[in-house]
Amino acid sequence: MPYKICIDYIKSQKIIHWIMALFIMLDLFVAQKFDREMQLWDRLESRIDHASVGLLVTFLFILHLILRYRHGAHTPPMLMPRWQVVTAKLGHYALYTLMGLLMLSGIMSATFA
């Protein structure tokens, strides 16, 4: 699926990007509590918090993909070597794929566990 080329990202894309980054860091912080002994009520509250933030990040991720498809991606600098352009695109595709799989595995484990 080819992306449109744009000079810069629109403001909403930038805002969604940074909100997602903050929520992902917050979610990782909450998830770190799961590896130690916890009271049952604390474990349940932490799972609810983790799931809520995860669903919010999933919604923002889908919105981000829609905006990226509609408004395009940032154009690389003209003097950037071709191998770096290709590597950057592959890195983005890999990151999006891994983020999507992580969200899908979270939804599946919450549904079927």
PDB file of N, CA and C in Angstrom:
ATOM      1  N   MET A   1       0.849  -1.161   0.000  1.00  0.00           N
ATOM      2  CA  MET A   1       0.000   0.000   0.000  1.00  0.00           C
ATOM      3  C   MET A   1       0.903   1.235   0.000  1.00  0.00           C
ATOM      4  N   PRO A   2       1.015   1.941  -1.105  1.00  0.00           N
ATOM      5  CA  PRO A   2       1.902   3.103  -1.176  1.00  0.00           C
ATOM      6  C   PRO A   2       1.317   4.283  -0.410  1.00  0.00           C
ATOM      7  N   TYR A   3       2.205   5.004   0.240  1.00  0.00           N
ATOM      8  CA  TYR A   3       1.789   6.184   0.983  1.00  0.00           C
ATOM      9  C   TYR A   3       1.975   7.416   0.124  1.00  0.00           C
ATOM     10  N   LYS A   4       1.139   8.417   0.358  1.00  0.00           N
ATOM     11  CA  LYS A   4       1.322   9.696  -0.299  1.00  0.00           C
ATOM     12  C   LYS A   4       2.546  10.375   0.300  1.00  0.00           C
ATOM     13  N   ILE A   5       3.168  11.204  -0.469  1.00  0.00           N
ATOM     14  CA  ILE A   5       4.340  11.923   0.004  1.00  0.00           C
ATOM     15  C   ILE A   5       3.909  13.320   0.448  1.00  0.00           C
ATOM     16  N   CYS A   6       4.357  13.742   1.615  1.00  0.00           N
ATOM     17  CA  CYS A   6       4.052  15.076   2.109  1.00  0.00           C
ATOM     18  C   CYS A   6       5.335  15.717   2.625  1.00  0.00           C
ATOM     19  N   ILE A   7       5.310  17.024   2.749  1.00  0.00           N
ATOM     20  CA  ILE A   7       6.500  17.743   3.209  1.00  0.00           C
ATOM     21  C   ILE A   7       6.677  17.581   4.708  1.00  0.00           C
ATOM     22  N   ASP A   8       5.589  17.625   5.459  1.00  0.00           N
ATOM     23  CA  ASP A   8       5.647  17.468   6.903  1.00  0.00           C
ATOM     24  C   ASP A   8       4.357  16.814   7.375  1.00  0.00           C
ATOM     25  N   TYR A   9       4.405  16.222   8.542  1.00  0.00           N
ATOM     26  CA  TYR A   9       3.217  15.622   9.109  1.00  0.00           C
ATOM     27  C   TYR A   9       2.259  16.715   9.577  1.00  0.00           C
ATOM     28  N   ILE A  10       0.947  16.420   9.506  1.00  0.00           N
ATOM     29  CA  ILE A  10      -0.007  17.385  10.031  1.00  0.00           C
ATOM     30  C   ILE A  10       0.049  17.342  11.556  1.00  0.00           C
ATOM     31  N   LYS A  11      -0.454  18.405  12.167  1.00  0.00           N
ATOM     32  CA  LYS A  11      -0.349  18.551  13.618  1.00  0.00           C
ATOM     33  C   LYS A  11      -1.026  17.397  14.358  1.00  0.00           C
ATOM     34  N   SER A  12      -2.169  16.931  13.872  1.00  0.00           N
ATOM     35  CA  SER A  12      -2.862  15.831  14.557  1.00  0.00           C
ATOM     36  C   SER A  12      -2.034  14.554  14.533  1.00  0.00           C
ATOM     37  N   GLN A  13      -1.276  14.305  13.456  1.00  0.00           N
ATOM     38  CA  GLN A  13      -0.414  13.123  13.416  1.00  0.00           C
ATOM     39  C   GLN A  13       0.679  13.213  14.480  1.00  0.00           C
ATOM     40  N   LYS A  14       1.237  14.394  14.648  1.00  0.00           N
ATOM     41  CA  LYS A  14       2.293  14.583  15.651  1.00  0.00           C
ATOM     42  C   LYS A  14       1.742  14.404  17.062  1.00  0.00           C
ATOM     43  N   ILE A  15       0.565  14.967  17.305  1.00  0.00           N
ATOM     44  CA  ILE A  15      -0.041  14.864  18.634  1.00  0.00           C
ATOM     45  C   ILE A  15      -0.368  13.407  18.962  1.00  0.00           C
ATOM     46  N   ILE A  16      -0.980  12.704  18.009  1.00  0.00           N
ATOM     47  CA  ILE A  16      -1.317  11.297  18.230  1.00  0.00           C
ATOM     48  C   ILE A  16      -0.056  10.474  18.469  1.00  0.00           C
ATOM     49  N   HIS A  17       1.001  10.757  17.714  1.00  0.00           N
ATOM     50  CA  HIS A  17       2.273  10.039  17.877  1.00  0.00           C
ATOM     51  C   HIS A  17       2.790  10.166  19.310  1.00  0.00           C
ATOM     52  N   TRP A  18       2.832  11.377  19.839  1.00  0.00           N
ATOM     53  CA  TRP A  18       3.389  11.585  21.171  1.00  0.00           C
ATOM     54  C   TRP A  18       2.460  11.106  22.281  1.00  0.00           C
ATOM     55  N   ILE A  19       1.154  11.212  22.069  1.00  0.00           N
ATOM     56  CA  ILE A  19       0.223  10.660  23.061  1.00  0.00           C
ATOM     57  C   ILE A  19       0.375   9.142  23.122  1.00  0.00           C
ATOM     58  N   MET A  20       0.502   8.497  21.947  1.00  0.00           N
ATOM     59  CA  MET A  20       0.720   7.048  21.928  1.00  0.00           C
ATOM     60  C   MET A  20       2.012   6.684  22.644  1.00  0.00           C
ATOM     61  N   ALA A  21       3.075   7.441  22.398  1.00  0.00           N
ATOM     62  CA  ALA A  21       4.360   7.152  23.040  1.00  0.00           C
ATOM     63  C   ALA A  21       4.234   7.246  24.564  1.00  0.00           C
ATOM     64  N   LEU A  22       3.562   8.275  25.061  1.00  0.00           N
ATOM     65  CA  LEU A  22       3.394   8.432  26.505  1.00  0.00           C
ATOM     66  C   LEU A  22       2.545   7.309  27.103  1.00  0.00           C
ATOM     67  N   PHE A  23       1.445   6.957  26.411  1.00  0.00           N
ATOM     68  CA  PHE A  23       0.584   5.893  26.916  1.00  0.00           C
ATOM     69  C   PHE A  23       1.281   4.538  26.880  1.00  0.00           C
ATOM     70  N   ILE A  24       2.103   4.281  25.860  1.00  0.00           N
ATOM     71  CA  ILE A  24       2.831   3.019  25.800  1.00  0.00           C
ATOM     72  C   ILE A  24       3.825   2.931  26.959  1.00  0.00           C
ATOM     73  N   MET A  25       4.511   4.042  27.262  1.00  0.00           N
ATOM     74  CA  MET A  25       5.437   4.038  28.406  1.00  0.00           C
ATOM     75  C   MET A  25       4.678   3.829  29.713  1.00  0.00           C
ATOM     76  N   LEU A  26       3.530   4.477  29.862  1.00  0.00           N
ATOM     77  CA  LEU A  26       2.697   4.300  31.051  1.00  0.00           C
ATOM     78  C   LEU A  26       2.232   2.849  31.165  1.00  0.00           C
ATOM     79  N   ASP A  27       1.833   2.261  30.051  1.00  0.00           N
ATOM     80  CA  ASP A  27       1.361   0.880  30.054  1.00  0.00           C
ATOM     81  C   ASP A  27       2.479  -0.092  30.414  1.00  0.00           C
ATOM     82  N   LEU A  28       3.681   0.165  29.936  1.00  0.00           N
ATOM     83  CA  LEU A  28       4.817  -0.676  30.312  1.00  0.00           C
ATOM     84  C   LEU A  28       5.122  -0.570  31.800  1.00  0.00           C
ATOM     85  N   PHE A  29       4.969   0.630  32.354  1.00  0.00           N
ATOM     86  CA  PHE A  29       5.173   0.830  33.787  1.00  0.00           C
ATOM     87  C   PHE A  29       4.158   0.024  34.590  1.00  0.00           C
ATOM     88  N   VAL A  30       2.899   0.062  34.166  1.00  0.00           N
ATOM     89  CA  VAL A  30       1.856  -0.694  34.860  1.00  0.00           C
ATOM     90  C   VAL A  30       2.118  -2.197  34.718  1.00  0.00           C
ATOM     91  N   ALA A  31       2.531  -2.647  33.532  1.00  0.00           N
ATOM     92  CA  ALA A  31       2.745  -4.072  33.282  1.00  0.00           C
ATOM     93  C   ALA A  31       3.920  -4.631  34.085  1.00  0.00           C
ATOM     94  N   GLN A  32       4.869  -3.805  34.485  1.00  0.00           N
ATOM     95  CA  GLN A  32       6.010  -4.289  35.265  1.00  0.00           C
ATOM     96  C   GLN A  32       5.597  -4.782  36.644  1.00  0.00           C
ATOM     97  N   LYS A  33       4.446  -4.352  37.125  1.00  0.00           N
ATOM     98  CA  LYS A  33       3.983  -4.804  38.429  1.00  0.00           C
ATOM     99  C   LYS A  33       3.584  -6.276  38.423  1.00  0.00           C
ATOM    100  N   PHE A  34       3.304  -6.848  37.251  1.00  0.00           N
ATOM    101  CA  PHE A  34       2.784  -8.206  37.172  1.00  0.00           C
ATOM    102  C   PHE A  34       3.812  -9.277  37.513  1.00  0.00           C
ATOM    103  N   ASP A  35       5.092  -8.959  37.535  1.00  0.00           N
ATOM    104  CA  ASP A  35       6.096  -9.998  37.768  1.00  0.00           C
ATOM    105  C   ASP A  35       6.409 -10.224  39.239  1.00  0.00           C
ATOM    106  N   ARG A  36       5.734  -9.565  40.140  1.00  0.00           N
ATOM    107  CA  ARG A  36       5.998  -9.760  41.563  1.00  0.00           C
ATOM    108  C   ARG A  36       4.708 -10.159  42.296  1.00  0.00           C
ATOM    109  N   GLU A  37       4.861 -10.522  43.559  1.00  0.00           N
ATOM    110  CA  GLU A  37       3.712 -10.888  44.387  1.00  0.00           C
ATOM    111  C   GLU A  37       2.800  -9.676  44.555  1.00  0.00           C
ATOM    112  N   MET A  38       1.509  -9.924  44.380  1.00  0.00           N
ATOM    113  CA  MET A  38       0.535  -8.838  44.515  1.00  0.00           C
ATOM    114  C   MET A  38      -0.708  -9.376  45.214  1.00  0.00           C
ATOM    115  N   GLN A  39      -1.375  -8.487  45.878  1.00  0.00           N
ATOM    116  CA  GLN A  39      -2.683  -8.822  46.423  1.00  0.00           C
ATOM    117  C   GLN A  39      -3.644  -9.001  45.248  1.00  0.00           C
ATOM    118  N   LEU A  40      -4.697  -9.784  45.443  1.00  0.00           N
ATOM    119  CA  LEU A  40      -5.648 -10.046  44.367  1.00  0.00           C
ATOM    120  C   LEU A  40      -6.303  -8.758  43.880  1.00  0.00           C
ATOM    121  N   TRP A  41      -6.713  -7.881  44.795  1.00  0.00           N
ATOM    122  CA  TRP A  41      -7.372  -6.643  44.398  1.00  0.00           C
ATOM    123  C   TRP A  41      -6.423  -5.752  43.604  1.00  0.00           C
ATOM    124  N   ASP A  42      -5.134  -5.730  43.982  1.00  0.00           N
ATOM    125  CA  ASP A  42      -4.152  -4.918  43.267  1.00  0.00           C
ATOM    126  C   ASP A  42      -3.903  -5.485  41.873  1.00  0.00           C
ATOM    127  N   ARG A  43      -3.847  -6.820  41.771  1.00  0.00           N
ATOM    128  CA  ARG A  43      -3.645  -7.462  40.468  1.00  0.00           C
ATOM    129  C   ARG A  43      -4.817  -7.164  39.532  1.00  0.00           C
ATOM    130  N   LEU A  44      -6.040  -7.239  40.047  1.00  0.00           N
ATOM    131  CA  LEU A  44      -7.213  -6.957  39.221  1.00  0.00           C
ATOM    132  C   LEU A  44      -7.248  -5.494  38.780  1.00  0.00           C
ATOM    133  N   GLU A  45      -6.940  -4.578  39.698  1.00  0.00           N
ATOM    134  CA  GLU A  45      -6.904  -3.160  39.332  1.00  0.00           C
ATOM    135  C   GLU A  45      -5.826  -2.887  38.292  1.00  0.00           C
ATOM    136  N   SER A  46      -4.678  -3.509  38.458  1.00  0.00           N
ATOM    137  CA  SER A  46      -3.580  -3.309  37.506  1.00  0.00           C
ATOM    138  C   SER A  46      -3.940  -3.857  36.137  1.00  0.00           C
ATOM    139  N   ARG A  47      -4.609  -5.004  36.102  1.00  0.00           N
ATOM    140  CA  ARG A  47      -5.030  -5.564  34.806  1.00  0.00           C
ATOM    141  C   ARG A  47      -6.067  -4.680  34.132  1.00  0.00           C
ATOM    142  N   ILE A  48      -6.964  -4.106  34.907  1.00  0.00           N
ATOM    143  CA  ILE A  48      -7.956  -3.193  34.328  1.00  0.00           C
ATOM    144  C   ILE A  48      -7.264  -1.958  33.770  1.00  0.00           C
ATOM    145  N   ASP A  49      -6.321  -1.397  34.520  1.00  0.00           N
ATOM    146  CA  ASP A  49      -5.569  -0.238  34.041  1.00  0.00           C
ATOM    147  C   ASP A  49      -4.791  -0.573  32.776  1.00  0.00           C
ATOM    148  N   HIS A  50      -4.123  -1.720  32.778  1.00  0.00           N
ATOM    149  CA  HIS A  50      -3.321  -2.161  31.640  1.00  0.00           C
ATOM    150  C   HIS A  50      -4.202  -2.355  30.398  1.00  0.00           C
ATOM    151  N   ALA A  51      -5.352  -2.978  30.577  1.00  0.00           N
ATOM    152  CA  ALA A  51      -6.262  -3.220  29.456  1.00  0.00           C
ATOM    153  C   ALA A  51      -6.854  -1.918  28.927  1.00  0.00           C
ATOM    154  N   SER A  52      -7.195  -1.007  29.827  1.00  0.00           N
ATOM    155  CA  SER A  52      -7.774   0.268  29.403  1.00  0.00           C
ATOM    156  C   SER A  52      -6.786   1.082  28.592  1.00  0.00           C
ATOM    157  N   VAL A  53      -5.574   1.172  29.070  1.00  0.00           N
ATOM    158  CA  VAL A  53      -4.553   1.922  28.339  1.00  0.00           C
ATOM    159  C   VAL A  53      -4.237   1.212  27.021  1.00  0.00           C
ATOM    160  N   GLY A  54      -4.198  -0.104  27.040  1.00  0.00           N
ATOM    161  CA  GLY A  54      -3.943  -0.861  25.812  1.00  0.00           C
ATOM    162  C   GLY A  54      -5.012  -0.627  24.760  1.00  0.00           C
ATOM    163  N   LEU A  55      -6.270  -0.599  25.161  1.00  0.00           N
ATOM    164  CA  LEU A  55      -7.345  -0.334  24.209  1.00  0.00           C
ATOM    165  C   LEU A  55      -7.274   1.095  23.678  1.00  0.00           C
ATOM    166  N   LEU A  56      -6.911   2.039  24.534  1.00  0.00           N
ATOM    167  CA  LEU A  56      -6.747   3.423  24.088  1.00  0.00           C
ATOM    168  C   LEU A  56      -5.610   3.535  23.073  1.00  0.00           C
ATOM    169  N   VAL A  57      -4.510   2.860  23.338  1.00  0.00           N
ATOM    170  CA  VAL A  57      -3.383   2.875  22.398  1.00  0.00           C
ATOM    171  C   VAL A  57      -3.786   2.199  21.084  1.00  0.00           C
ATOM    172  N   THR A  58      -4.571   1.124  21.155  1.00  0.00           N
ATOM    173  CA  THR A  58      -5.039   0.460  19.943  1.00  0.00           C
ATOM    174  C   THR A  58      -5.887   1.402  19.099  1.00  0.00           C
ATOM    175  N   PHE A  59      -6.797   2.124  19.731  1.00  0.00           N
ATOM    176  CA  PHE A  59      -7.622   3.095  19.019  1.00  0.00           C
ATOM    177  C   PHE A  59      -6.752   4.173  18.380  1.00  0.00           C
ATOM    178  N   LEU A  60      -5.788   4.707  19.132  1.00  0.00           N
ATOM    179  CA  LEU A  60      -4.907   5.739  18.589  1.00  0.00           C
ATOM    180  C   LEU A  60      -4.039   5.199  17.451  1.00  0.00           C
ATOM    181  N   PHE A  61      -3.615   3.949  17.558  1.00  0.00           N
ATOM    182  CA  PHE A  61      -2.811   3.320  16.512  1.00  0.00           C
ATOM    183  C   PHE A  61      -3.602   3.216  15.209  1.00  0.00           C
ATOM    184  N   ILE A  62      -4.847   2.786  15.308  1.00  0.00           N
ATOM    185  CA  ILE A  62      -5.699   2.692  14.116  1.00  0.00           C
ATOM    186  C   ILE A  62      -5.936   4.083  13.527  1.00  0.00           C
ATOM    187  N   LEU A  63      -6.197   5.065  14.379  1.00  0.00           N
ATOM    188  CA  LEU A  63      -6.381   6.440  13.920  1.00  0.00           C
ATOM    189  C   LEU A  63      -5.114   6.967  13.249  1.00  0.00           C
ATOM    190  N   HIS A  64      -3.961   6.637  13.835  1.00  0.00           N
ATOM    191  CA  HIS A  64      -2.679   7.047  13.261  1.00  0.00           C
ATOM    192  C   HIS A  64      -2.486   6.450  11.868  1.00  0.00           C
ATOM    193  N   LEU A  65      -2.812   5.173  11.699  1.00  0.00           N
ATOM    194  CA  LEU A  65      -2.679   4.538  10.387  1.00  0.00           C
ATOM    195  C   LEU A  65      -3.618   5.169   9.358  1.00  0.00           C
ATOM    196  N   ILE A  66      -4.825   5.496   9.780  1.00  0.00           N
ATOM    197  CA  ILE A  66      -5.783   6.142   8.867  1.00  0.00           C
ATOM    198  C   ILE A  66      -5.262   7.511   8.438  1.00  0.00           C
ATOM    199  N   LEU A  67      -4.782   8.303   9.399  1.00  0.00           N
ATOM    200  CA  LEU A  67      -4.260   9.625   9.064  1.00  0.00           C
ATOM    201  C   LEU A  67      -3.014   9.534   8.194  1.00  0.00           C
ATOM    202  N   ARG A  68      -2.180   8.548   8.462  1.00  0.00           N
ATOM    203  CA  ARG A  68      -0.971   8.388   7.648  1.00  0.00           C
ATOM    204  C   ARG A  68      -1.330   8.004   6.220  1.00  0.00           C
ATOM    205  N   TYR A  69      -2.335   7.173   6.056  1.00  0.00           N
ATOM    206  CA  TYR A  69      -2.765   6.782   4.721  1.00  0.00           C
ATOM    207  C   TYR A  69      -3.384   7.970   3.983  1.00  0.00           C
ATOM    208  N   ARG A  70      -4.200   8.742   4.688  1.00  0.00           N
ATOM    209  CA  ARG A  70      -4.892   9.874   4.050  1.00  0.00           C
ATOM    210  C   ARG A  70      -3.968  11.048   3.754  1.00  0.00           C
ATOM    211  N   HIS A  71      -3.037  11.346   4.654  1.00  0.00           N
ATOM    212  CA  HIS A  71      -2.216  12.550   4.517  1.00  0.00           C
ATOM    213  C   HIS A  71      -0.776  12.275   4.120  1.00  0.00           C
ATOM    214  N   GLY A  72      -0.377  11.028   4.103  1.00  0.00           N
ATOM    215  CA  GLY A  72       0.950  10.684   3.631  1.00  0.00           C
ATOM    216  C   GLY A  72       2.002  10.674   4.719  1.00  0.00           C
ATOM    217  N   ALA A  73       3.203  10.326   4.287  1.00  0.00           N
ATOM    218  CA  ALA A  73       4.350  10.252   5.184  1.00  0.00           C
ATOM    219  C   ALA A  73       5.320  11.377   4.839  1.00  0.00           C
ATOM    220  N   HIS A  74       6.177  11.676   5.774  1.00  0.00           N
ATOM    221  CA  HIS A  74       7.174  12.720   5.601  1.00  0.00           C
ATOM    222  C   HIS A  74       8.159  12.342   4.506  1.00  0.00           C
ATOM    223  N   THR A  75       8.517  13.287   3.654  1.00  0.00           N
ATOM    224  CA  THR A  75       9.492  12.996   2.595  1.00  0.00           C
ATOM    225  C   THR A  75      10.898  12.981   3.186  1.00  0.00           C
ATOM    226  N   PRO A  76      11.711  12.017   2.775  1.00  0.00           N
ATOM    227  CA  PRO A  76      13.089  11.994   3.280  1.00  0.00           C
ATOM    228  C   PRO A  76      13.910  13.124   2.656  1.00  0.00           C
ATOM    229  N   PRO A  77      15.002  13.523   3.293  1.00  0.00           N
ATOM    230  CA  PRO A  77      15.863  14.565   2.715  1.00  0.00           C
ATOM    231  C   PRO A  77      16.378  14.139   1.338  1.00  0.00           C
ATOM    232  N   MET A  78      16.562  15.093   0.451  1.00  0.00           N
ATOM    233  CA  MET A  78      16.980  14.806  -0.921  1.00  0.00           C
ATOM    234  C   MET A  78      18.345  14.120  -0.980  1.00  0.00           C
ATOM    235  N   LEU A  79      19.256  14.458  -0.072  1.00  0.00           N
ATOM    236  CA  LEU A  79      20.604  13.915  -0.111  1.00  0.00           C
ATOM    237  C   LEU A  79      20.747  12.598   0.649  1.00  0.00           C
ATOM    238  N   MET A  80      19.659  12.105   1.169  1.00  0.00           N
ATOM    239  CA  MET A  80      19.697  10.855   1.929  1.00  0.00           C
ATOM    240  C   MET A  80      19.944   9.690   0.970  1.00  0.00           C
ATOM    241  N   PRO A  81      20.917   8.824   1.269  1.00  0.00           N
ATOM    242  CA  PRO A  81      21.179   7.677   0.391  1.00  0.00           C
ATOM    243  C   PRO A  81      19.969   6.743   0.301  1.00  0.00           C
ATOM    244  N   ARG A  82      19.841   6.101  -0.845  1.00  0.00           N
ATOM    245  CA  ARG A  82      18.683   5.237  -1.090  1.00  0.00           C
ATOM    246  C   ARG A  82      18.584   4.103  -0.073  1.00  0.00           C
ATOM    247  N   TRP A  83      19.715   3.530   0.334  1.00  0.00           N
ATOM    248  CA  TRP A  83      19.672   2.417   1.277  1.00  0.00           C
ATOM    249  C   TRP A  83      19.098   2.868   2.617  1.00  0.00           C
ATOM    250  N   GLN A  84      19.337   4.128   3.004  1.00  0.00           N
ATOM    251  CA  GLN A  84      18.779   4.626   4.259  1.00  0.00           C
ATOM    252  C   GLN A  84      17.272   4.855   4.131  1.00  0.00           C
ATOM    253  N   VAL A  85      16.826   5.309   2.966  1.00  0.00           N
ATOM    254  CA  VAL A  85      15.389   5.500   2.740  1.00  0.00           C
ATOM    255  C   VAL A  85      14.671   4.152   2.812  1.00  0.00           C
ATOM    256  N   VAL A  86      15.239   3.149   2.142  1.00  0.00           N
ATOM    257  CA  VAL A  86      14.630   1.808   2.145  1.00  0.00           C
ATOM    258  C   VAL A  86      14.645   1.221   3.552  1.00  0.00           C
ATOM    259  N   THR A  87      15.755   1.375   4.253  1.00  0.00           N
ATOM    260  CA  THR A  87      15.856   0.847   5.613  1.00  0.00           C
ATOM    261  C   THR A  87      14.867   1.535   6.556  1.00  0.00           C
ATOM    262  N   ALA A  88      14.709   2.838   6.417  1.00  0.00           N
ATOM    263  CA  ALA A  88      13.750   3.569   7.254  1.00  0.00           C
ATOM    264  C   ALA A  88      12.327   3.088   6.998  1.00  0.00           C
ATOM    265  N   LYS A  89      11.980   2.878   5.720  1.00  0.00           N
ATOM    266  CA  LYS A  89      10.633   2.386   5.407  1.00  0.00           C
ATOM    267  C   LYS A  89      10.424   0.973   5.960  1.00  0.00           C
ATOM    268  N   LEU A  90      11.427   0.106   5.791  1.00  0.00           N
ATOM    269  CA  LEU A  90      11.314  -1.244   6.341  1.00  0.00           C
ATOM    270  C   LEU A  90      11.200  -1.215   7.860  1.00  0.00           C
ATOM    271  N   GLY A  91      11.942  -0.320   8.500  1.00  0.00           N
ATOM    272  CA  GLY A  91      11.856  -0.189   9.952  1.00  0.00           C
ATOM    273  C   GLY A  91      10.481   0.251  10.401  1.00  0.00           C
ATOM    274  N   HIS A  92       9.879   1.195   9.666  1.00  0.00           N
ATOM    275  CA  HIS A  92       8.533   1.639  10.010  1.00  0.00           C
ATOM    276  C   HIS A  92       7.516   0.514   9.826  1.00  0.00           C
ATOM    277  N   TYR A  93       7.614  -0.195   8.703  1.00  0.00           N
ATOM    278  CA  TYR A  93       6.689  -1.311   8.475  1.00  0.00           C
ATOM    279  C   TYR A  93       6.842  -2.374   9.561  1.00  0.00           C
ATOM    280  N   ALA A  94       8.084  -2.664   9.936  1.00  0.00           N
ATOM    281  CA  ALA A  94       8.322  -3.657  10.990  1.00  0.00           C
ATOM    282  C   ALA A  94       7.759  -3.173  12.329  1.00  0.00           C
ATOM    283  N   LEU A  95       7.971  -1.905  12.640  1.00  0.00           N
ATOM    284  CA  LEU A  95       7.448  -1.357  13.892  1.00  0.00           C
ATOM    285  C   LEU A  95       5.932  -1.409  13.928  1.00  0.00           C
ATOM    286  N   TYR A  96       5.286  -1.001  12.834  1.00  0.00           N
ATOM    287  CA  TYR A  96       3.827  -1.044  12.776  1.00  0.00           C
ATOM    288  C   TYR A  96       3.321  -2.480  12.888  1.00  0.00           C
ATOM    289  N   THR A  97       3.998  -3.409  12.236  1.00  0.00           N
ATOM    290  CA  THR A  97       3.592  -4.809  12.309  1.00  0.00           C
ATOM    291  C   THR A  97       3.720  -5.335  13.735  1.00  0.00           C
ATOM    292  N   LEU A  98       4.848  -5.062  14.383  1.00  0.00           N
ATOM    293  CA  LEU A  98       5.048  -5.543  15.750  1.00  0.00           C
ATOM    294  C   LEU A  98       4.065  -4.899  16.721  1.00  0.00           C
ATOM    295  N   MET A  99       3.798  -3.594  16.548  1.00  0.00           N
ATOM    296  CA  MET A  99       2.821  -2.941  17.426  1.00  0.00           C
ATOM    297  C   MET A  99       1.438  -3.548  17.223  1.00  0.00           C
ATOM    298  N   GLY A 100       1.054  -3.790  15.979  1.00  0.00           N
ATOM    299  CA  GLY A 100      -0.241  -4.403  15.700  1.00  0.00           C
ATOM    300  C   GLY A 100      -0.344  -5.802  16.280  1.00  0.00           C
ATOM    301  N   LEU A 101       0.721  -6.591  16.145  1.00  0.00           N
ATOM    302  CA  LEU A 101       0.723  -7.947  16.707  1.00  0.00           C
ATOM    303  C   LEU A 101       0.675  -7.925  18.234  1.00  0.00           C
ATOM    304  N   LEU A 102       1.365  -6.973  18.839  1.00  0.00           N
ATOM    305  CA  LEU A 102       1.336  -6.849  20.297  1.00  0.00           C
ATOM    306  C   LEU A 102      -0.071  -6.526  20.782  1.00  0.00           C
ATOM    307  N   MET A 103      -0.731  -5.599  20.095  1.00  0.00           N
ATOM    308  CA  MET A 103      -2.097  -5.240  20.476  1.00  0.00           C
ATOM    309  C   MET A 103      -3.052  -6.401  20.237  1.00  0.00           C
ATOM    310  N   LEU A 104      -2.875  -7.092  19.127  1.00  0.00           N
ATOM    311  CA  LEU A 104      -3.727  -8.236  18.818  1.00  0.00           C
ATOM    312  C   LEU A 104      -3.529  -9.350  19.841  1.00  0.00           C
ATOM    313  N   SER A 105      -2.295  -9.609  20.242  1.00  0.00           N
ATOM    314  CA  SER A 105      -2.052 -10.651  21.243  1.00  0.00           C
ATOM    315  C   SER A 105      -2.636 -10.263  22.597  1.00  0.00           C
ATOM    316  N   GLY A 106      -2.601  -8.978  22.942  1.00  0.00           N
ATOM    317  CA  GLY A 106      -3.217  -8.528  24.187  1.00  0.00           C
ATOM    318  C   GLY A 106      -4.722  -8.709  24.180  1.00  0.00           C
ATOM    319  N   ILE A 107      -5.343  -8.362  23.059  1.00  0.00           N
ATOM    320  CA  ILE A 107      -6.798  -8.510  22.942  1.00  0.00           C
ATOM    321  C   ILE A 107      -7.175  -9.991  22.976  1.00  0.00           C
ATOM    322  N   MET A 108      -6.399 -10.822  22.274  1.00  0.00           N
ATOM    323  CA  MET A 108      -6.695 -12.262  22.259  1.00  0.00           C
ATOM    324  C   MET A 108      -6.505 -12.899  23.632  1.00  0.00           C
ATOM    325  N   SER A 109      -5.443 -12.503  24.341  1.00  0.00           N
ATOM    326  CA  SER A 109      -5.224 -13.101  25.661  1.00  0.00           C
ATOM    327  C   SER A 109      -6.279 -12.633  26.663  1.00  0.00           C
ATOM    328  N   ALA A 110      -6.757 -11.405  26.525  1.00  0.00           N
ATOM    329  CA  ALA A 110      -7.817 -10.938  27.416  1.00  0.00           C
ATOM    330  C   ALA A 110      -9.153 -11.612  27.089  1.00  0.00           C
ATOM    331  N   THR A 111      -9.349 -11.933  25.823  1.00  0.00           N
ATOM    332  CA  THR A 111     -10.601 -12.547  25.416  1.00  0.00           C
ATOM    333  C   THR A 111     -10.653 -14.032  25.745  1.00  0.00           C
ATOM    334  N   PHE A 112      -9.556 -14.742  25.492  1.00  0.00           N
ATOM    335  CA  PHE A 112      -9.574 -16.202  25.600  1.00  0.00           C
ATOM    336  C   PHE A 112      -8.891 -16.745  26.846  1.00  0.00           C
ATOM    337  N   ALA A 113      -8.315 -15.894  27.678  1.00  0.00           N
ATOM    338  CA  ALA A 113      -7.602 -16.397  28.856  1.00  0.00           C
ATOM    339  C   ALA A 113      -8.521 -16.574  30.034  1.00  0.00           C
TER     340      ALA A 113
END
